[in-house]
Amino acid sequence: MPANGTVLRAYRREDLDGVIEVFQRAVREVASRDYDPDQIAAWSKVDRAEWDEYRLRCPTWVAVRDARIVGFSDLEPDGHLDMMFVHPDCQRTGIATMLLERVERAARDRSLGIVFTEASLTARPFFLARGFEIIMRQNVVAGGETFLNFRMRKRIV
């Protein structure tokens, strides 16, 4: 069995609640150390119908441990890694690394030369440690709040 009893599999429609829970808890409990309460409130809002449609359209992988979703990530056709989140109780257990390895494998299978993302202040160190480079700092607006994040990329060989 993979590290820590965690397995990766493709997203299924019945995973929606688990994926949303991971996202909201990660934003509210982990990213909150780097962003203010108004930013966190705006960032953590979810439109269930949009999320479900996007997850089914865009290849998404979920990390499952003890029948519970503990992380997820995705890869858009152009190499954009839009989301990667891990449940706060499972931080620093290798789940994000497993997810990133899966994303990179999918990118190679699609003959993409680059994976790129917009990493939060919280996620930036993780991506830097795994070979991503910062392309630029950027301020993005979401839910009426402005967020600093980092456009990053990694060449896939």
N, C-alpha and C. Protein backbone atom coordinates (compact mmCIF):
# COMPACT_ATOMS: atom_id res chain seq x y z
N MET A 1 0.86 -1.19 0.00
CA MET A 1 0.00 0.00 0.00
C MET A 1 0.90 1.24 0.00
N PRO A 2 0.50 2.30 -0.71
CA PRO A 2 1.30 3.53 -0.76
C PRO A 2 1.56 4.12 0.62
N ALA A 3 2.47 5.07 0.65
CA ALA A 3 2.88 5.73 1.89
C ALA A 3 1.69 6.14 2.75
N ASN A 4 1.79 5.86 4.01
CA ASN A 4 0.78 6.28 4.99
C ASN A 4 -0.62 5.75 4.71
N GLY A 5 -0.72 4.66 3.95
CA GLY A 5 -2.03 4.10 3.68
C GLY A 5 -2.89 4.96 2.76
N THR A 6 -2.29 5.91 2.07
CA THR A 6 -3.03 6.81 1.18
C THR A 6 -3.00 6.28 -0.24
N VAL A 7 -4.14 6.26 -0.90
CA VAL A 7 -4.20 5.87 -2.31
C VAL A 7 -4.74 7.04 -3.12
N LEU A 8 -4.28 7.12 -4.35
CA LEU A 8 -4.78 8.15 -5.28
C LEU A 8 -5.70 7.48 -6.29
N ARG A 9 -6.75 8.19 -6.64
CA ARG A 9 -7.66 7.72 -7.67
C ARG A 9 -8.31 8.91 -8.33
N ALA A 10 -8.98 8.66 -9.44
CA ALA A 10 -9.67 9.72 -10.16
C ALA A 10 -10.89 10.19 -9.36
N TYR A 11 -11.18 11.47 -9.50
CA TYR A 11 -12.36 12.08 -8.88
C TYR A 11 -13.63 11.45 -9.43
N ARG A 12 -14.61 11.26 -8.54
CA ARG A 12 -15.95 10.81 -8.91
C ARG A 12 -16.95 11.80 -8.34
N ARG A 13 -18.11 11.88 -8.96
CA ARG A 13 -19.13 12.85 -8.54
C ARG A 13 -19.42 12.76 -7.04
N GLU A 14 -19.43 11.58 -6.47
CA GLU A 14 -19.72 11.43 -5.05
C GLU A 14 -18.60 11.97 -4.14
N ASP A 15 -17.50 12.40 -4.73
CA ASP A 15 -16.38 12.96 -3.96
C ASP A 15 -16.55 14.45 -3.67
N LEU A 16 -17.55 15.08 -4.25
CA LEU A 16 -17.68 16.54 -4.18
C LEU A 16 -17.63 17.06 -2.75
N ASP A 17 -18.42 16.51 -1.85
CA ASP A 17 -18.44 17.02 -0.47
C ASP A 17 -17.08 16.88 0.19
N GLY A 18 -16.40 15.77 -0.03
CA GLY A 18 -15.08 15.57 0.56
C GLY A 18 -14.04 16.53 0.02
N VAL A 19 -14.10 16.78 -1.27
CA VAL A 19 -13.15 17.72 -1.90
C VAL A 19 -13.40 19.13 -1.39
N ILE A 20 -14.66 19.53 -1.29
CA ILE A 20 -14.97 20.86 -0.78
C ILE A 20 -14.52 20.99 0.68
N GLU A 21 -14.74 19.95 1.47
CA GLU A 21 -14.30 20.02 2.86
C GLU A 21 -12.79 20.19 2.97
N VAL A 22 -12.05 19.43 2.19
CA VAL A 22 -10.58 19.56 2.20
C VAL A 22 -10.19 20.98 1.82
N PHE A 23 -10.77 21.50 0.74
CA PHE A 23 -10.45 22.85 0.28
C PHE A 23 -10.74 23.89 1.36
N GLN A 24 -11.96 23.88 1.88
CA GLN A 24 -12.33 24.91 2.85
C GLN A 24 -11.53 24.81 4.15
N ARG A 25 -11.30 23.62 4.62
CA ARG A 25 -10.52 23.48 5.85
C ARG A 25 -9.06 23.89 5.62
N ALA A 26 -8.50 23.53 4.47
CA ALA A 26 -7.11 23.92 4.19
C ALA A 26 -6.99 25.44 4.11
N VAL A 27 -7.93 26.08 3.45
CA VAL A 27 -7.89 27.54 3.34
C VAL A 27 -8.10 28.18 4.71
N ARG A 28 -9.12 27.74 5.42
CA ARG A 28 -9.47 28.37 6.71
C ARG A 28 -8.49 28.07 7.83
N GLU A 29 -7.87 26.90 7.81
CA GLU A 29 -7.01 26.51 8.92
C GLU A 29 -5.52 26.58 8.62
N VAL A 30 -5.14 26.51 7.36
CA VAL A 30 -3.72 26.52 7.02
C VAL A 30 -3.34 27.84 6.35
N ALA A 31 -4.03 28.19 5.27
CA ALA A 31 -3.70 29.43 4.55
C ALA A 31 -4.01 30.67 5.38
N SER A 32 -4.81 30.52 6.40
CA SER A 32 -5.18 31.68 7.23
C SER A 32 -3.98 32.28 7.96
N ARG A 33 -2.88 31.57 8.01
CA ARG A 33 -1.68 32.15 8.64
C ARG A 33 -1.02 33.19 7.72
N ASP A 34 -1.38 33.16 6.42
CA ASP A 34 -0.76 34.06 5.46
C ASP A 34 -1.70 35.10 4.86
N TYR A 35 -3.00 34.95 5.11
CA TYR A 35 -3.99 35.86 4.54
C TYR A 35 -4.94 36.31 5.63
N ASP A 36 -5.55 37.49 5.45
CA ASP A 36 -6.41 38.03 6.51
C ASP A 36 -7.82 37.42 6.45
N PRO A 37 -8.62 37.62 7.50
CA PRO A 37 -9.94 36.98 7.56
C PRO A 37 -10.86 37.30 6.39
N ASP A 38 -10.84 38.52 5.87
CA ASP A 38 -11.68 38.85 4.72
C ASP A 38 -11.23 38.08 3.48
N GLN A 39 -9.93 37.97 3.29
CA GLN A 39 -9.41 37.20 2.16
C GLN A 39 -9.81 35.73 2.29
N ILE A 40 -9.67 35.18 3.48
CA ILE A 40 -10.01 33.78 3.71
C ILE A 40 -11.50 33.54 3.46
N ALA A 41 -12.35 34.45 3.93
CA ALA A 41 -13.79 34.30 3.71
C ALA A 41 -14.11 34.31 2.21
N ALA A 42 -13.49 35.21 1.47
CA ALA A 42 -13.74 35.29 0.03
C ALA A 42 -13.20 34.05 -0.69
N TRP A 43 -12.00 33.61 -0.33
CA TRP A 43 -11.35 32.49 -0.99
C TRP A 43 -12.10 31.18 -0.75
N SER A 44 -12.65 31.01 0.43
CA SER A 44 -13.25 29.73 0.79
C SER A 44 -14.69 29.53 0.32
N LYS A 45 -15.26 30.53 -0.36
CA LYS A 45 -16.61 30.38 -0.89
C LYS A 45 -16.60 29.40 -2.06
N VAL A 46 -17.63 28.57 -2.13
CA VAL A 46 -17.71 27.53 -3.15
C VAL A 46 -19.10 27.51 -3.76
N ASP A 47 -19.14 27.45 -5.07
CA ASP A 47 -20.39 27.20 -5.80
C ASP A 47 -20.37 25.71 -6.14
N ARG A 48 -21.19 24.94 -5.46
CA ARG A 48 -21.17 23.47 -5.59
C ARG A 48 -21.34 23.02 -7.04
N ALA A 49 -22.28 23.60 -7.76
CA ALA A 49 -22.54 23.18 -9.14
C ALA A 49 -21.31 23.44 -10.02
N GLU A 50 -20.70 24.61 -9.88
CA GLU A 50 -19.50 24.93 -10.66
C GLU A 50 -18.36 23.97 -10.32
N TRP A 51 -18.18 23.72 -9.04
CA TRP A 51 -17.11 22.82 -8.62
C TRP A 51 -17.31 21.43 -9.20
N ASP A 52 -18.50 20.91 -9.11
CA ASP A 52 -18.76 19.56 -9.59
C ASP A 52 -18.50 19.48 -11.10
N GLU A 53 -19.01 20.45 -11.83
CA GLU A 53 -18.82 20.46 -13.29
C GLU A 53 -17.33 20.54 -13.63
N TYR A 54 -16.60 21.42 -12.95
CA TYR A 54 -15.17 21.58 -13.22
C TYR A 54 -14.40 20.31 -12.89
N ARG A 55 -14.67 19.71 -11.75
CA ARG A 55 -13.97 18.49 -11.33
C ARG A 55 -14.21 17.35 -12.30
N LEU A 56 -15.40 17.28 -12.86
CA LEU A 56 -15.70 16.21 -13.82
C LEU A 56 -15.08 16.50 -15.19
N ARG A 57 -14.91 17.76 -15.53
CA ARG A 57 -14.36 18.16 -16.83
C ARG A 57 -12.84 18.13 -16.85
N CYS A 58 -12.23 18.52 -15.75
CA CYS A 58 -10.78 18.63 -15.65
C CYS A 58 -10.24 17.42 -14.89
N PRO A 59 -9.25 16.71 -15.42
CA PRO A 59 -8.73 15.57 -14.67
C PRO A 59 -8.35 15.98 -13.24
N THR A 60 -8.95 15.29 -12.29
CA THR A 60 -8.74 15.57 -10.87
C THR A 60 -8.47 14.25 -10.17
N TRP A 61 -7.50 14.27 -9.28
CA TRP A 61 -7.17 13.09 -8.48
C TRP A 61 -7.43 13.40 -7.02
N VAL A 62 -7.96 12.41 -6.33
CA VAL A 62 -8.19 12.54 -4.90
C VAL A 62 -7.28 11.58 -4.16
N ALA A 63 -6.82 12.03 -3.01
CA ALA A 63 -6.04 11.18 -2.11
C ALA A 63 -7.01 10.68 -1.05
N VAL A 64 -7.05 9.37 -0.86
CA VAL A 64 -7.99 8.75 0.06
C VAL A 64 -7.21 7.95 1.10
N ARG A 65 -7.56 8.18 2.35
CA ARG A 65 -6.98 7.44 3.47
C ARG A 65 -8.13 7.04 4.39
N ASP A 66 -8.18 5.78 4.74
CA ASP A 66 -9.24 5.28 5.62
C ASP A 66 -10.63 5.70 5.12
N ALA A 67 -10.85 5.54 3.81
CA ALA A 67 -12.13 5.84 3.16
C ALA A 67 -12.52 7.31 3.24
N ARG A 68 -11.58 8.19 3.51
CA ARG A 68 -11.85 9.63 3.62
C ARG A 68 -10.94 10.40 2.66
N ILE A 69 -11.49 11.37 1.96
CA ILE A 69 -10.68 12.21 1.08
C ILE A 69 -9.83 13.13 1.94
N VAL A 70 -8.51 13.09 1.69
CA VAL A 70 -7.59 13.89 2.49
C VAL A 70 -6.78 14.87 1.63
N GLY A 71 -7.03 14.86 0.32
CA GLY A 71 -6.34 15.80 -0.56
C GLY A 71 -6.84 15.64 -1.98
N PHE A 72 -6.53 16.63 -2.81
CA PHE A 72 -6.88 16.54 -4.23
C PHE A 72 -6.02 17.50 -5.03
N SER A 73 -5.94 17.21 -6.33
CA SER A 73 -5.24 18.08 -7.26
C SER A 73 -5.80 17.84 -8.66
N ASP A 74 -5.40 18.71 -9.59
CA ASP A 74 -5.92 18.61 -10.95
C ASP A 74 -4.87 19.04 -11.95
N LEU A 75 -5.18 18.87 -13.23
CA LEU A 75 -4.30 19.32 -14.30
C LEU A 75 -5.15 19.66 -15.51
N GLU A 76 -5.09 20.93 -15.92
CA GLU A 76 -5.82 21.36 -17.11
C GLU A 76 -5.03 20.96 -18.37
N PRO A 77 -5.68 20.91 -19.52
CA PRO A 77 -5.02 20.44 -20.75
C PRO A 77 -3.76 21.21 -21.14
N ASP A 78 -3.66 22.48 -20.73
CA ASP A 78 -2.49 23.28 -21.09
C ASP A 78 -1.34 23.17 -20.09
N GLY A 79 -1.48 22.31 -19.08
CA GLY A 79 -0.43 22.14 -18.08
C GLY A 79 -0.64 22.95 -16.82
N HIS A 80 -1.78 23.61 -16.72
CA HIS A 80 -2.08 24.42 -15.54
C HIS A 80 -2.56 23.54 -14.39
N LEU A 81 -1.84 23.56 -13.29
CA LEU A 81 -2.27 22.91 -12.06
C LEU A 81 -3.07 23.98 -11.32
N ASP A 82 -4.38 23.85 -11.36
CA ASP A 82 -5.24 24.88 -10.80
C ASP A 82 -5.34 24.77 -9.29
N MET A 83 -5.54 23.56 -8.78
CA MET A 83 -5.74 23.39 -7.34
C MET A 83 -4.98 22.19 -6.81
N MET A 84 -4.42 22.36 -5.63
CA MET A 84 -3.84 21.27 -4.86
C MET A 84 -4.03 21.63 -3.39
N PHE A 85 -4.81 20.82 -2.70
CA PHE A 85 -5.08 21.07 -1.29
C PHE A 85 -5.02 19.77 -0.51
N VAL A 86 -4.54 19.86 0.72
CA VAL A 86 -4.45 18.72 1.62
C VAL A 86 -5.15 19.09 2.92
N HIS A 87 -5.89 18.14 3.46
CA HIS A 87 -6.61 18.34 4.72
C HIS A 87 -5.62 18.77 5.82
N PRO A 88 -6.02 19.72 6.67
CA PRO A 88 -5.11 20.19 7.73
C PRO A 88 -4.58 19.08 8.63
N ASP A 89 -5.36 18.04 8.88
CA ASP A 89 -4.90 16.94 9.73
C ASP A 89 -3.84 16.08 9.06
N CYS A 90 -3.64 16.26 7.76
CA CYS A 90 -2.72 15.41 7.00
C CYS A 90 -1.56 16.19 6.38
N GLN A 91 -1.36 17.41 6.83
CA GLN A 91 -0.26 18.22 6.32
C GLN A 91 1.07 17.54 6.66
N ARG A 92 2.03 17.67 5.76
CA ARG A 92 3.40 17.17 5.96
C ARG A 92 3.47 15.65 6.15
N THR A 93 2.58 14.94 5.44
CA THR A 93 2.61 13.48 5.49
C THR A 93 2.90 12.86 4.12
N GLY A 94 3.26 13.68 3.15
CA GLY A 94 3.60 13.19 1.82
C GLY A 94 2.45 13.19 0.82
N ILE A 95 1.27 13.59 1.23
CA ILE A 95 0.12 13.56 0.34
C ILE A 95 0.27 14.56 -0.80
N ALA A 96 0.68 15.78 -0.52
CA ALA A 96 0.87 16.77 -1.59
C ALA A 96 1.94 16.30 -2.57
N THR A 97 2.99 15.69 -2.07
CA THR A 97 4.04 15.17 -2.95
C THR A 97 3.49 14.07 -3.84
N MET A 98 2.68 13.17 -3.28
CA MET A 98 2.05 12.12 -4.09
C MET A 98 1.18 12.74 -5.19
N LEU A 99 0.40 13.73 -4.81
CA LEU A 99 -0.48 14.39 -5.78
C LEU A 99 0.34 15.07 -6.88
N LEU A 100 1.38 15.79 -6.49
CA LEU A 100 2.20 16.47 -7.49
C LEU A 100 2.87 15.47 -8.42
N GLU A 101 3.35 14.36 -7.89
CA GLU A 101 3.95 13.33 -8.75
C GLU A 101 2.93 12.81 -9.75
N ARG A 102 1.69 12.66 -9.33
CA ARG A 102 0.63 12.19 -10.24
C ARG A 102 0.36 13.23 -11.32
N VAL A 103 0.31 14.50 -10.94
CA VAL A 103 0.11 15.58 -11.90
C VAL A 103 1.26 15.60 -12.92
N GLU A 104 2.48 15.47 -12.44
CA GLU A 104 3.63 15.49 -13.34
C GLU A 104 3.63 14.29 -14.29
N ARG A 105 3.24 13.13 -13.79
CA ARG A 105 3.14 11.94 -14.64
C ARG A 105 2.08 12.18 -15.74
N ALA A 106 0.95 12.75 -15.36
CA ALA A 106 -0.09 13.05 -16.35
C ALA A 106 0.41 14.06 -17.39
N ALA A 107 1.18 15.04 -16.94
CA ALA A 107 1.74 16.03 -17.87
C ALA A 107 2.69 15.35 -18.86
N ARG A 108 3.53 14.45 -18.36
CA ARG A 108 4.44 13.73 -19.25
C ARG A 108 3.64 12.87 -20.24
N ASP A 109 2.62 12.18 -19.75
CA ASP A 109 1.80 11.34 -20.62
C ASP A 109 1.14 12.15 -21.73
N ARG A 110 0.88 13.42 -21.48
CA ARG A 110 0.26 14.30 -22.47
C ARG A 110 1.30 15.09 -23.27
N SER A 111 2.58 14.75 -23.06
CA SER A 111 3.70 15.42 -23.75
C SER A 111 3.72 16.91 -23.50
N LEU A 112 3.33 17.31 -22.30
CA LEU A 112 3.43 18.72 -21.92
C LEU A 112 4.84 18.99 -21.42
N GLY A 113 5.41 20.09 -21.79
CA GLY A 113 6.77 20.41 -21.37
C GLY A 113 6.84 21.13 -20.04
N ILE A 114 5.71 21.70 -19.62
CA ILE A 114 5.70 22.55 -18.43
C ILE A 114 4.41 22.31 -17.65
N VAL A 115 4.54 22.31 -16.32
CA VAL A 115 3.39 22.42 -15.43
C VAL A 115 3.51 23.79 -14.78
N PHE A 116 2.40 24.53 -14.73
CA PHE A 116 2.45 25.84 -14.09
C PHE A 116 1.27 26.00 -13.14
N THR A 117 1.45 26.89 -12.17
CA THR A 117 0.43 27.12 -11.16
C THR A 117 0.51 28.54 -10.65
N GLU A 118 -0.49 28.94 -9.90
CA GLU A 118 -0.48 30.20 -9.17
C GLU A 118 -0.47 29.80 -7.69
N ALA A 119 0.68 29.81 -7.09
CA ALA A 119 0.83 29.32 -5.72
C ALA A 119 0.57 30.44 -4.72
N SER A 120 -0.15 30.09 -3.69
CA SER A 120 -0.39 31.04 -2.59
C SER A 120 0.91 31.25 -1.81
N LEU A 121 0.87 32.24 -0.94
CA LEU A 121 2.00 32.43 -0.03
C LEU A 121 2.28 31.15 0.75
N THR A 122 1.21 30.46 1.13
CA THR A 122 1.32 29.24 1.92
C THR A 122 1.96 28.11 1.12
N ALA A 123 1.58 27.98 -0.14
CA ALA A 123 2.04 26.87 -0.97
C ALA A 123 3.38 27.12 -1.64
N ARG A 124 3.79 28.36 -1.75
CA ARG A 124 5.03 28.69 -2.46
C ARG A 124 6.22 27.86 -2.01
N PRO A 125 6.50 27.71 -0.70
CA PRO A 125 7.67 26.92 -0.30
C PRO A 125 7.61 25.46 -0.76
N PHE A 126 6.42 24.87 -0.75
CA PHE A 126 6.26 23.49 -1.22
C PHE A 126 6.69 23.38 -2.68
N PHE A 127 6.18 24.25 -3.52
CA PHE A 127 6.50 24.19 -4.94
C PHE A 127 7.97 24.51 -5.21
N LEU A 128 8.51 25.48 -4.51
CA LEU A 128 9.94 25.78 -4.69
C LEU A 128 10.80 24.57 -4.35
N ALA A 129 10.45 23.87 -3.29
CA ALA A 129 11.24 22.70 -2.86
C ALA A 129 11.13 21.54 -3.86
N ARG A 130 10.17 21.59 -4.75
CA ARG A 130 9.98 20.51 -5.72
C ARG A 130 10.30 20.95 -7.14
N GLY A 131 11.16 21.94 -7.26
CA GLY A 131 11.70 22.30 -8.56
C GLY A 131 10.96 23.34 -9.36
N PHE A 132 9.92 23.94 -8.81
CA PHE A 132 9.24 25.02 -9.51
C PHE A 132 10.04 26.30 -9.36
N GLU A 133 9.93 27.17 -10.35
CA GLU A 133 10.55 28.48 -10.28
C GLU A 133 9.46 29.55 -10.31
N ILE A 134 9.74 30.65 -9.64
CA ILE A 134 8.80 31.77 -9.65
C ILE A 134 8.98 32.55 -10.93
N ILE A 135 7.89 32.73 -11.64
CA ILE A 135 7.89 33.53 -12.86
C ILE A 135 7.59 34.99 -12.51
N MET A 136 6.60 35.18 -11.63
CA MET A 136 6.26 36.54 -11.23
C MET A 136 5.35 36.52 -10.00
N ARG A 137 5.45 37.58 -9.24
CA ARG A 137 4.49 37.85 -8.17
C ARG A 137 3.29 38.49 -8.83
N GLN A 138 2.11 38.20 -8.32
CA GLN A 138 0.93 38.82 -8.91
C GLN A 138 -0.13 39.04 -7.85
N ASN A 139 -0.90 40.07 -8.07
CA ASN A 139 -2.07 40.34 -7.23
C ASN A 139 -3.29 39.95 -8.04
N VAL A 140 -4.11 39.08 -7.48
CA VAL A 140 -5.32 38.64 -8.14
C VAL A 140 -6.51 39.03 -7.28
N VAL A 141 -7.64 39.29 -7.93
CA VAL A 141 -8.85 39.66 -7.21
C VAL A 141 -9.84 38.50 -7.30
N ALA A 142 -10.35 38.11 -6.15
CA ALA A 142 -11.37 37.06 -6.08
C ALA A 142 -12.33 37.41 -4.97
N GLY A 143 -13.61 37.36 -5.25
CA GLY A 143 -14.61 37.66 -4.24
C GLY A 143 -14.47 39.05 -3.67
N GLY A 144 -13.96 39.98 -4.47
CA GLY A 144 -13.80 41.35 -4.01
C GLY A 144 -12.56 41.59 -3.16
N GLU A 145 -11.74 40.57 -2.98
CA GLU A 145 -10.51 40.69 -2.19
C GLU A 145 -9.30 40.51 -3.10
N THR A 146 -8.21 41.20 -2.77
CA THR A 146 -6.98 41.09 -3.54
C THR A 146 -6.01 40.17 -2.80
N PHE A 147 -5.43 39.24 -3.55
CA PHE A 147 -4.51 38.25 -2.99
C PHE A 147 -3.17 38.31 -3.70
N LEU A 148 -2.10 38.21 -2.93
CA LEU A 148 -0.78 38.04 -3.50
C LEU A 148 -0.57 36.54 -3.72
N ASN A 149 -0.16 36.18 -4.93
CA ASN A 149 0.28 34.81 -5.16
C ASN A 149 1.43 34.83 -6.16
N PHE A 150 1.89 33.66 -6.55
CA PHE A 150 3.09 33.55 -7.36
C PHE A 150 2.84 32.63 -8.54
N ARG A 151 3.02 33.18 -9.73
CA ARG A 151 2.94 32.34 -10.92
C ARG A 151 4.26 31.57 -10.95
N MET A 152 4.14 30.23 -10.99
CA MET A 152 5.31 29.37 -10.92
C MET A 152 5.22 28.31 -12.02
N ARG A 153 6.38 27.77 -12.40
CA ARG A 153 6.37 26.71 -13.41
C ARG A 153 7.51 25.72 -13.13
N LYS A 154 7.31 24.55 -13.70
CA LYS A 154 8.34 23.51 -13.64
C LYS A 154 8.41 22.84 -14.99
N ARG A 155 9.60 22.70 -15.49
CA ARG A 155 9.79 21.98 -16.76
C ARG A 155 9.71 20.49 -16.45
N ILE A 156 8.94 19.80 -17.28
CA ILE A 156 8.75 18.36 -17.11
C ILE A 156 9.55 17.64 -18.19
N VAL A 157 10.39 16.72 -17.74
CA VAL A 157 11.22 15.96 -18.71
C VAL A 157 10.83 14.51 -18.75
